[in-house]
Amino acid sequence: SYSCEDHSLPFLHPQDVTEGLAITQKVAEAIYRET
């Protein structure tokens, strides 16, 4: 695997990481509501 010095990846835009984090935040909330 690899990561980059700028804490991104060559094909990523900042919005992509924001979207991924937002999904994970919603999943954390959902798993609490579910269990």
PDB file of all heavy atoms in Angstrom:
ATOM      1  N   SER A   1       0.846  -1.187   0.000  1.00  0.00           N
ATOM      2  CA  SER A   1       0.000   0.000   0.000  1.00  0.00           C
ATOM      3  C   SER A   1       0.884   1.240   0.000  1.00  0.00           C
ATOM      4  O   SER A   1       2.075   1.170   0.299  1.00  0.00           O
ATOM      5  CB  SER A   1      -0.926   0.007   1.228  1.00  0.00           C
ATOM      6  OG  SER A   1      -0.161  -0.060   2.425  1.00  0.00           O
ATOM      7  N   TYR A   2       0.266   2.385  -0.330  1.00  0.00           N
ATOM      8  CA  TYR A   2       1.034   3.629  -0.307  1.00  0.00           C
ATOM      9  C   TYR A   2       0.155   4.778   0.169  1.00  0.00           C
ATOM     10  O   TYR A   2      -1.074   4.746   0.054  1.00  0.00           O
ATOM     11  CB  TYR A   2       1.620   3.946  -1.699  1.00  0.00           C
ATOM     12  CG  TYR A   2       0.609   4.486  -2.694  1.00  0.00           C
ATOM     13  CD1 TYR A   2       0.466   5.865  -2.886  1.00  0.00           C
ATOM     14  CD2 TYR A   2      -0.196   3.634  -3.442  1.00  0.00           C
ATOM     15  CE1 TYR A   2      -0.460   6.364  -3.778  1.00  0.00           C
ATOM     16  CE2 TYR A   2      -1.123   4.127  -4.343  1.00  0.00           C
ATOM     17  CZ  TYR A   2      -1.251   5.496  -4.519  1.00  0.00           C
ATOM     18  OH  TYR A   2      -2.171   5.989  -5.394  1.00  0.00           O
ATOM     19  N   SER A   3       0.812   5.775   0.742  1.00  0.00           N
ATOM     20  CA  SER A   3       0.165   7.055   1.055  1.00  0.00           C
ATOM     21  C   SER A   3       1.094   8.146   0.540  1.00  0.00           C
ATOM     22  O   SER A   3       2.219   7.879   0.130  1.00  0.00           O
ATOM     23  CB  SER A   3      -0.072   7.193   2.563  1.00  0.00           C
ATOM     24  OG  SER A   3       1.159   7.054   3.268  1.00  0.00           O
ATOM     25  N   CYS A   4       0.609   9.383   0.552  1.00  0.00           N
ATOM     26  CA  CYS A   4       1.375  10.483  -0.041  1.00  0.00           C
ATOM     27  C   CYS A   4       1.697  11.553   1.001  1.00  0.00           C
ATOM     28  O   CYS A   4       0.993  11.713   1.995  1.00  0.00           O
ATOM     29  CB  CYS A   4       0.609  11.101  -1.201  1.00  0.00           C
ATOM     30  SG  CYS A   4       0.436   9.990  -2.614  1.00  0.00           S
ATOM     31  N   GLU A   5       2.758  12.302   0.697  1.00  0.00           N
ATOM     32  CA  GLU A   5       3.268  13.293   1.629  1.00  0.00           C
ATOM     33  C   GLU A   5       2.234  14.378   1.957  1.00  0.00           C
ATOM     34  O   GLU A   5       2.213  14.919   3.052  1.00  0.00           O
ATOM     35  CB  GLU A   5       4.532  13.939   1.037  1.00  0.00           C
ATOM     36  CG  GLU A   5       5.312  14.788   2.018  1.00  0.00           C
ATOM     37  CD  GLU A   5       6.609  15.299   1.408  1.00  0.00           C
ATOM     38  OE1 GLU A   5       6.798  15.163   0.183  1.00  0.00           O
ATOM     39  OE2 GLU A   5       7.428  15.831   2.166  1.00  0.00           O
ATOM     40  N   ASP A   6       1.348  14.670   0.991  1.00  0.00           N
ATOM     41  CA  ASP A   6       0.352  15.724   1.208  1.00  0.00           C
ATOM     42  C   ASP A   6      -0.918  15.204   1.889  1.00  0.00           C
ATOM     43  O   ASP A   6      -1.929  15.898   1.953  1.00  0.00           O
ATOM     44  CB  ASP A   6      -0.001  16.409  -0.115  1.00  0.00           C
ATOM     45  CG  ASP A   6      -0.660  15.461  -1.116  1.00  0.00           C
ATOM     46  OD1 ASP A   6      -0.768  14.243  -0.810  1.00  0.00           O
ATOM     47  OD2 ASP A   6      -1.060  15.923  -2.199  1.00  0.00           O
ATOM     48  N   HIS A   7      -0.869  13.958   2.389  1.00  0.00           N
ATOM     49  CA  HIS A   7      -2.006  13.331   3.083  1.00  0.00           C
ATOM     50  C   HIS A   7      -3.231  13.188   2.182  1.00  0.00           C
ATOM     51  O   HIS A   7      -4.375  13.203   2.649  1.00  0.00           O
ATOM     52  CB  HIS A   7      -2.371  14.092   4.367  1.00  0.00           C
ATOM     53  CG  HIS A   7      -1.327  13.988   5.430  1.00  0.00           C
ATOM     54  ND1 HIS A   7      -1.518  14.466   6.707  1.00  0.00           N
ATOM     55  CD2 HIS A   7      -0.077  13.449   5.409  1.00  0.00           C
ATOM     56  CE1 HIS A   7      -0.421  14.237   7.420  1.00  0.00           C
ATOM     57  NE2 HIS A   7       0.466  13.627   6.649  1.00  0.00           N
ATOM     58  N   SER A   8      -2.971  13.036   0.891  1.00  0.00           N
ATOM     59  CA  SER A   8      -4.030  12.738  -0.069  1.00  0.00           C
ATOM     60  C   SER A   8      -3.530  11.607  -0.954  1.00  0.00           C
ATOM     61  O   SER A   8      -2.591  10.891  -0.600  1.00  0.00           O
ATOM     62  CB  SER A   8      -4.384  13.984  -0.886  1.00  0.00           C
ATOM     63  OG  SER A   8      -5.474  13.714  -1.763  1.00  0.00           O
ATOM     64  N   LEU A   9      -4.158  11.405  -2.087  1.00  0.00           N
ATOM     65  CA  LEU A   9      -3.705  10.448  -3.092  1.00  0.00           C
ATOM     66  C   LEU A   9      -3.839  11.118  -4.449  1.00  0.00           C
ATOM     67  O   LEU A   9      -4.641  12.058  -4.596  1.00  0.00           O
ATOM     68  CB  LEU A   9      -4.546   9.162  -3.023  1.00  0.00           C
ATOM     69  CG  LEU A   9      -4.381   8.316  -1.753  1.00  0.00           C
ATOM     70  CD1 LEU A   9      -5.455   7.230  -1.677  1.00  0.00           C
ATOM     71  CD2 LEU A   9      -2.998   7.681  -1.672  1.00  0.00           C
ATOM     72  N   PRO A  10      -3.082  10.683  -5.454  1.00  0.00           N
ATOM     73  CA  PRO A  10      -3.054  11.420  -6.730  1.00  0.00           C
ATOM     74  C   PRO A  10      -4.412  11.624  -7.387  1.00  0.00           C
ATOM     75  O   PRO A  10      -4.619  12.606  -8.095  1.00  0.00           O
ATOM     76  CB  PRO A  10      -2.148  10.545  -7.607  1.00  0.00           C
ATOM     77  CG  PRO A  10      -1.283   9.806  -6.653  1.00  0.00           C
ATOM     78  CD  PRO A  10      -2.125   9.560  -5.444  1.00  0.00           C
ATOM     79  N   PHE A  11      -5.350  10.713  -7.155  1.00  0.00           N
ATOM     80  CA  PHE A  11      -6.654  10.788  -7.811  1.00  0.00           C
ATOM     81  C   PHE A  11      -7.740  11.409  -6.929  1.00  0.00           C
ATOM     82  O   PHE A  11      -8.882  11.543  -7.361  1.00  0.00           O
ATOM     83  CB  PHE A  11      -7.099   9.376  -8.240  1.00  0.00           C
ATOM     84  CG  PHE A  11      -7.130   8.395  -7.096  1.00  0.00           C
ATOM     85  CD1 PHE A  11      -8.259   8.255  -6.298  1.00  0.00           C
ATOM     86  CD2 PHE A  11      -6.016   7.614  -6.802  1.00  0.00           C
ATOM     87  CE1 PHE A  11      -8.284   7.358  -5.242  1.00  0.00           C
ATOM     88  CE2 PHE A  11      -6.034   6.703  -5.753  1.00  0.00           C
ATOM     89  CZ  PHE A  11      -7.166   6.581  -4.980  1.00  0.00           C
ATOM     90  N   LEU A  12      -7.396  11.770  -5.691  1.00  0.00           N
ATOM     91  CA  LEU A  12      -8.402  12.259  -4.750  1.00  0.00           C
ATOM     92  C   LEU A  12      -8.528  13.778  -4.766  1.00  0.00           C
ATOM     93  O   LEU A  12      -7.542  14.501  -4.924  1.00  0.00           O
ATOM     94  CB  LEU A  12      -8.064  11.823  -3.319  1.00  0.00           C
ATOM     95  CG  LEU A  12      -8.345  10.386  -2.905  1.00  0.00           C
ATOM     96  CD1 LEU A  12      -7.984  10.183  -1.446  1.00  0.00           C
ATOM     97  CD2 LEU A  12      -9.808  10.018  -3.133  1.00  0.00           C
ATOM     98  N   HIS A  13      -9.768  14.238  -4.566  1.00  0.00           N
ATOM     99  CA  HIS A  13     -10.040  15.645  -4.270  1.00  0.00           C
ATOM    100  C   HIS A  13     -10.436  15.738  -2.793  1.00  0.00           C
ATOM    101  O   HIS A  13     -10.945  14.758  -2.226  1.00  0.00           O
ATOM    102  CB  HIS A  13     -11.178  16.180  -5.150  1.00  0.00           C
ATOM    103  CG  HIS A  13     -10.862  16.139  -6.614  1.00  0.00           C
ATOM    104  ND1 HIS A  13      -9.997  17.024  -7.212  1.00  0.00           N
ATOM    105  CD2 HIS A  13     -11.288  15.296  -7.586  1.00  0.00           C
ATOM    106  CE1 HIS A  13      -9.905  16.747  -8.501  1.00  0.00           C
ATOM    107  NE2 HIS A  13     -10.679  15.703  -8.755  1.00  0.00           N
ATOM    108  N   PRO A  14     -10.237  16.888  -2.152  1.00  0.00           N
ATOM    109  CA  PRO A  14     -10.622  17.011  -0.737  1.00  0.00           C
ATOM    110  C   PRO A  14     -12.067  16.591  -0.474  1.00  0.00           C
ATOM    111  O   PRO A  14     -12.367  16.000   0.573  1.00  0.00           O
ATOM    112  CB  PRO A  14     -10.406  18.499  -0.448  1.00  0.00           C
ATOM    113  CG  PRO A  14      -9.322  18.915  -1.400  1.00  0.00           C
ATOM    114  CD  PRO A  14      -9.573  18.110  -2.653  1.00  0.00           C
ATOM    115  N   GLN A  15     -12.956  16.858  -1.433  1.00  0.00           N
ATOM    116  CA  GLN A  15     -14.358  16.511  -1.247  1.00  0.00           C
ATOM    117  C   GLN A  15     -14.566  15.006  -1.134  1.00  0.00           C
ATOM    118  O   GLN A  15     -15.471  14.547  -0.426  1.00  0.00           O
ATOM    119  CB  GLN A  15     -15.188  17.064  -2.418  1.00  0.00           C
ATOM    120  CG  GLN A  15     -16.687  16.787  -2.330  1.00  0.00           C
ATOM    121  CD  GLN A  15     -17.338  17.373  -1.085  1.00  0.00           C
ATOM    122  OE1 GLN A  15     -16.876  18.388  -0.555  1.00  0.00           O
ATOM    123  NE2 GLN A  15     -18.399  16.734  -0.598  1.00  0.00           N
ATOM    124  N   ASP A  16     -13.722  14.220  -1.811  1.00  0.00           N
ATOM    125  CA  ASP A  16     -13.848  12.759  -1.741  1.00  0.00           C
ATOM    126  C   ASP A  16     -13.613  12.258  -0.314  1.00  0.00           C
ATOM    127  O   ASP A  16     -14.354  11.410   0.194  1.00  0.00           O
ATOM    128  CB  ASP A  16     -12.838  12.094  -2.682  1.00  0.00           C
ATOM    129  CG  ASP A  16     -13.061  12.472  -4.139  1.00  0.00           C
ATOM    130  OD1 ASP A  16     -14.225  12.691  -4.517  1.00  0.00           O
ATOM    131  OD2 ASP A  16     -12.066  12.564  -4.883  1.00  0.00           O
ATOM    132  N   VAL A  17     -12.570  12.780   0.326  1.00  0.00           N
ATOM    133  CA  VAL A  17     -12.266  12.389   1.710  1.00  0.00           C
ATOM    134  C   VAL A  17     -13.371  12.869   2.641  1.00  0.00           C
ATOM    135  O   VAL A  17     -13.796  12.152   3.556  1.00  0.00           O
ATOM    136  CB  VAL A  17     -10.898  12.945   2.147  1.00  0.00           C
ATOM    137  CG1 VAL A  17     -10.593  12.546   3.596  1.00  0.00           C
ATOM    138  CG2 VAL A  17      -9.792  12.425   1.229  1.00  0.00           C
ATOM    139  N   THR A  18     -13.873  14.086   2.391  1.00  0.00           N
ATOM    140  CA  THR A  18     -14.980  14.629   3.193  1.00  0.00           C
ATOM    141  C   THR A  18     -16.201  13.729   3.099  1.00  0.00           C
ATOM    142  O   THR A  18     -16.868  13.445   4.106  1.00  0.00           O
ATOM    143  CB  THR A  18     -15.322  16.054   2.732  1.00  0.00           C
ATOM    144  OG1 THR A  18     -14.172  16.882   2.884  1.00  0.00           O
ATOM    145  CG2 THR A  18     -16.469  16.638   3.543  1.00  0.00           C
ATOM    146  N   GLU A  19     -16.507  13.252   1.877  1.00  0.00           N
ATOM    147  CA  GLU A  19     -17.664  12.366   1.687  1.00  0.00           C
ATOM    148  C   GLU A  19     -17.463  11.040   2.421  1.00  0.00           C
ATOM    149  O   GLU A  19     -18.387  10.530   3.069  1.00  0.00           O
ATOM    150  CB  GLU A  19     -17.887  12.092   0.193  1.00  0.00           C
ATOM    151  CG  GLU A  19     -18.567  13.223  -0.558  1.00  0.00           C
ATOM    152  CD  GLU A  19     -18.883  12.833  -1.997  1.00  0.00           C
ATOM    153  OE1 GLU A  19     -19.384  11.713  -2.232  1.00  0.00           O
ATOM    154  OE2 GLU A  19     -18.612  13.649  -2.898  1.00  0.00           O
ATOM    155  N   GLY A  20     -16.261  10.477   2.321  1.00  0.00           N
ATOM    156  CA  GLY A  20     -15.985   9.215   3.010  1.00  0.00           C
ATOM    157  C   GLY A  20     -16.110   9.348   4.516  1.00  0.00           C
ATOM    158  O   GLY A  20     -16.696   8.487   5.183  1.00  0.00           O
ATOM    159  N   LEU A  21     -15.582  10.450   5.057  1.00  0.00           N
ATOM    160  CA  LEU A  21     -15.671  10.686   6.501  1.00  0.00           C
ATOM    161  C   LEU A  21     -17.116  10.892   6.927  1.00  0.00           C
ATOM    162  O   LEU A  21     -17.552  10.373   7.969  1.00  0.00           O
ATOM    163  CB  LEU A  21     -14.817  11.896   6.885  1.00  0.00           C
ATOM    164  CG  LEU A  21     -14.839  12.308   8.353  1.00  0.00           C
ATOM    165  CD1 LEU A  21     -14.391  11.169   9.258  1.00  0.00           C
ATOM    166  CD2 LEU A  21     -13.960  13.539   8.581  1.00  0.00           C
ATOM    167  N   ALA A  22     -17.895  11.611   6.115  1.00  0.00           N
ATOM    168  CA  ALA A  22     -19.307  11.856   6.452  1.00  0.00           C
ATOM    169  C   ALA A  22     -20.091  10.550   6.486  1.00  0.00           C
ATOM    170  O   ALA A  22     -20.948  10.344   7.361  1.00  0.00           O
ATOM    171  CB  ALA A  22     -19.922  12.820   5.436  1.00  0.00           C
ATOM    172  N   ILE A  23     -19.802   9.645   5.542  1.00  0.00           N
ATOM    173  CA  ILE A  23     -20.464   8.334   5.542  1.00  0.00           C
ATOM    174  C   ILE A  23     -20.124   7.583   6.828  1.00  0.00           C
ATOM    175  O   ILE A  23     -20.999   7.016   7.491  1.00  0.00           O
ATOM    176  CB  ILE A  23     -20.052   7.526   4.298  1.00  0.00           C
ATOM    177  CG1 ILE A  23     -20.667   8.141   3.034  1.00  0.00           C
ATOM    178  CG2 ILE A  23     -20.473   6.059   4.428  1.00  0.00           C
ATOM    179  CD1 ILE A  23     -20.134   7.569   1.735  1.00  0.00           C
ATOM    180  N   THR A  24     -18.848   7.590   7.207  1.00  0.00           N
ATOM    181  CA  THR A  24     -18.424   6.875   8.410  1.00  0.00           C
ATOM    182  C   THR A  24     -19.050   7.472   9.664  1.00  0.00           C
ATOM    183  O   THR A  24     -19.458   6.742  10.575  1.00  0.00           O
ATOM    184  CB  THR A  24     -16.889   6.874   8.506  1.00  0.00           C
ATOM    185  OG1 THR A  24     -16.351   6.245   7.332  1.00  0.00           O
ATOM    186  CG2 THR A  24     -16.397   6.107   9.731  1.00  0.00           C
ATOM    187  N   GLN A  25     -19.153   8.796   9.729  1.00  0.00           N
ATOM    188  CA  GLN A  25     -19.805   9.437  10.876  1.00  0.00           C
ATOM    189  C   GLN A  25     -21.267   8.992  10.987  1.00  0.00           C
ATOM    190  O   GLN A  25     -21.769   8.696  12.077  1.00  0.00           O
ATOM    191  CB  GLN A  25     -19.718  10.953  10.740  1.00  0.00           C
ATOM    192  CG  GLN A  25     -18.320  11.492  11.015  1.00  0.00           C
ATOM    193  CD  GLN A  25     -18.159  12.961  10.677  1.00  0.00           C
ATOM    194  OE1 GLN A  25     -18.747  13.465   9.719  1.00  0.00           O
ATOM    195  NE2 GLN A  25     -17.339  13.660  11.446  1.00  0.00           N
ATOM    196  N   LYS A  26     -21.945   8.920   9.837  1.00  0.00           N
ATOM    197  CA  LYS A  26     -23.353   8.495   9.833  1.00  0.00           C
ATOM    198  C   LYS A  26     -23.477   7.021  10.219  1.00  0.00           C
ATOM    199  O   LYS A  26     -24.427   6.630  10.909  1.00  0.00           O
ATOM    200  CB  LYS A  26     -23.981   8.747   8.451  1.00  0.00           C
ATOM    201  CG  LYS A  26     -24.216  10.217   8.130  1.00  0.00           C
ATOM    202  CD  LYS A  26     -24.922  10.374   6.789  1.00  0.00           C
ATOM    203  CE  LYS A  26     -25.313  11.818   6.523  1.00  0.00           C
ATOM    204  NZ  LYS A  26     -24.158  12.683   6.279  1.00  0.00           N
ATOM    205  N   VAL A  27     -22.510   6.201   9.794  1.00  0.00           N
ATOM    206  CA  VAL A  27     -22.537   4.774  10.157  1.00  0.00           C
ATOM    207  C   VAL A  27     -22.320   4.601  11.656  1.00  0.00           C
ATOM    208  O   VAL A  27     -22.969   3.766  12.299  1.00  0.00           O
ATOM    209  CB  VAL A  27     -21.477   3.993   9.340  1.00  0.00           C
ATOM    210  CG1 VAL A  27     -21.271   2.594   9.910  1.00  0.00           C
ATOM    211  CG2 VAL A  27     -21.903   3.910   7.884  1.00  0.00           C
ATOM    212  N   ALA A  28     -21.420   5.401  12.245  1.00  0.00           N
ATOM    213  CA  ALA A  28     -21.212   5.333  13.701  1.00  0.00           C
ATOM    214  C   ALA A  28     -22.494   5.683  14.448  1.00  0.00           C
ATOM    215  O   ALA A  28     -22.843   5.030  15.447  1.00  0.00           O
ATOM    216  CB  ALA A  28     -20.075   6.275  14.109  1.00  0.00           C
ATOM    217  N   GLU A  29     -23.208   6.699  13.974  1.00  0.00           N
ATOM    218  CA  GLU A  29     -24.489   7.070  14.593  1.00  0.00           C
ATOM    219  C   GLU A  29     -25.526   5.965  14.404  1.00  0.00           C
ATOM    220  O   GLU A  29     -26.273   5.619  15.330  1.00  0.00           O
ATOM    221  CB  GLU A  29     -24.999   8.374  13.972  1.00  0.00           C
ATOM    222  CG  GLU A  29     -24.140   9.590  14.280  1.00  0.00           C
ATOM    223  CD  GLU A  29     -24.438  10.776  13.369  1.00  0.00           C
ATOM    224  OE1 GLU A  29     -25.430  10.706  12.600  1.00  0.00           O
ATOM    225  OE2 GLU A  29     -23.671  11.763  13.409  1.00  0.00           O
ATOM    226  N   ALA A  30     -25.547   5.383  13.205  1.00  0.00           N
ATOM    227  CA  ALA A  30     -26.542   4.357  12.892  1.00  0.00           C
ATOM    228  C   ALA A  30     -26.325   3.090  13.705  1.00  0.00           C
ATOM    229  O   ALA A  30     -27.284   2.476  14.177  1.00  0.00           O
ATOM    230  CB  ALA A  30     -26.502   4.033  11.404  1.00  0.00           C
ATOM    231  N   ILE A  31     -25.056   2.708  13.889  1.00  0.00           N
ATOM    232  CA  ILE A  31     -24.794   1.466  14.615  1.00  0.00           C
ATOM    233  C   ILE A  31     -25.168   1.624  16.091  1.00  0.00           C
ATOM    234  O   ILE A  31     -25.605   0.668  16.739  1.00  0.00           O
ATOM    235  CB  ILE A  31     -23.322   1.018  14.419  1.00  0.00           C
ATOM    236  CG1 ILE A  31     -23.205  -0.506  14.600  1.00  0.00           C
ATOM    237  CG2 ILE A  31     -22.359   1.734  15.332  1.00  0.00           C
ATOM    238  CD1 ILE A  31     -21.886  -1.082  14.122  1.00  0.00           C
ATOM    239  N   TYR A  32     -25.077   2.848  16.625  1.00  0.00           N
ATOM    240  CA  TYR A  32     -25.542   3.095  17.997  1.00  0.00           C
ATOM    241  C   TYR A  32     -27.068   3.015  18.053  1.00  0.00           C
ATOM    242  O   TYR A  32     -27.633   2.377  18.963  1.00  0.00           O
ATOM    243  CB  TYR A  32     -25.066   4.456  18.501  1.00  0.00           C
ATOM    244  CG  TYR A  32     -25.669   4.819  19.829  1.00  0.00           C
ATOM    245  CD1 TYR A  32     -25.258   4.175  20.999  1.00  0.00           C
ATOM    246  CD2 TYR A  32     -26.685   5.771  19.931  1.00  0.00           C
ATOM    247  CE1 TYR A  32     -25.830   4.481  22.224  1.00  0.00           C
ATOM    248  CE2 TYR A  32     -27.262   6.076  21.150  1.00  0.00           C
ATOM    249  CZ  TYR A  32     -26.835   5.429  22.297  1.00  0.00           C
ATOM    250  OH  TYR A  32     -27.410   5.721  23.500  1.00  0.00           O
ATOM    251  N   ARG A  33     -27.725   3.620  17.080  1.00  0.00           N
ATOM    252  CA  ARG A  33     -29.198   3.585  17.058  1.00  0.00           C
ATOM    253  C   ARG A  33     -29.704   2.153  16.880  1.00  0.00           C
ATOM    254  O   ARG A  33     -30.738   1.773  17.437  1.00  0.00           O
ATOM    255  CB  ARG A  33     -29.721   4.484  15.942  1.00  0.00           C
ATOM    256  CG  ARG A  33     -29.536   5.975  16.236  1.00  0.00           C
ATOM    257  CD  ARG A  33     -29.767   6.832  15.002  1.00  0.00           C
ATOM    258  NE  ARG A  33     -31.130   6.743  14.523  1.00  0.00           N
ATOM    259  CZ  ARG A  33     -31.553   7.297  13.375  1.00  0.00           C
ATOM    260  NH1 ARG A  33     -30.690   7.945  12.593  1.00  0.00           N
ATOM    261  NH2 ARG A  33     -32.808   7.199  13.007  1.00  0.00           N
ATOM    262  N   GLU A  34     -28.951   1.360  16.132  1.00  0.00           N
ATOM    263  CA  GLU A  34     -29.362  -0.017  15.842  1.00  0.00           C
ATOM    264  C   GLU A  34     -29.144  -0.942  17.035  1.00  0.00           C
ATOM    265  O   GLU A  34     -29.967  -1.837  17.301  1.00  0.00           O
ATOM    266  CB  GLU A  34     -28.585  -0.539  14.627  1.00  0.00           C
ATOM    267  CG  GLU A  34     -29.002  -1.901  14.145  1.00  0.00           C
ATOM    268  CD  GLU A  34     -30.364  -1.907  13.461  1.00  0.00           C
ATOM    269  OE1 GLU A  34     -30.916  -0.828  13.135  1.00  0.00           O
ATOM    270  OE2 GLU A  34     -30.887  -3.012  13.254  1.00  0.00           O
ATOM    271  N   THR A  35     -28.040  -0.744  17.772  1.00  0.00           N
ATOM    272  CA  THR A  35     -27.660  -1.702  18.821  1.00  0.00           C
ATOM    273  C   THR A  35     -27.748  -1.134  20.237  1.00  0.00           C
ATOM    274  O   THR A  35     -27.740  -1.901  21.204  1.00  0.00           O
ATOM    275  CB  THR A  35     -26.215  -2.190  18.606  1.00  0.00           C
ATOM    276  OG1 THR A  35     -25.315  -1.096  18.829  1.00  0.00           O
ATOM    277  CG2 THR A  35     -26.030  -2.737  17.195  1.00  0.00           C
TER     278      THR A  35
END
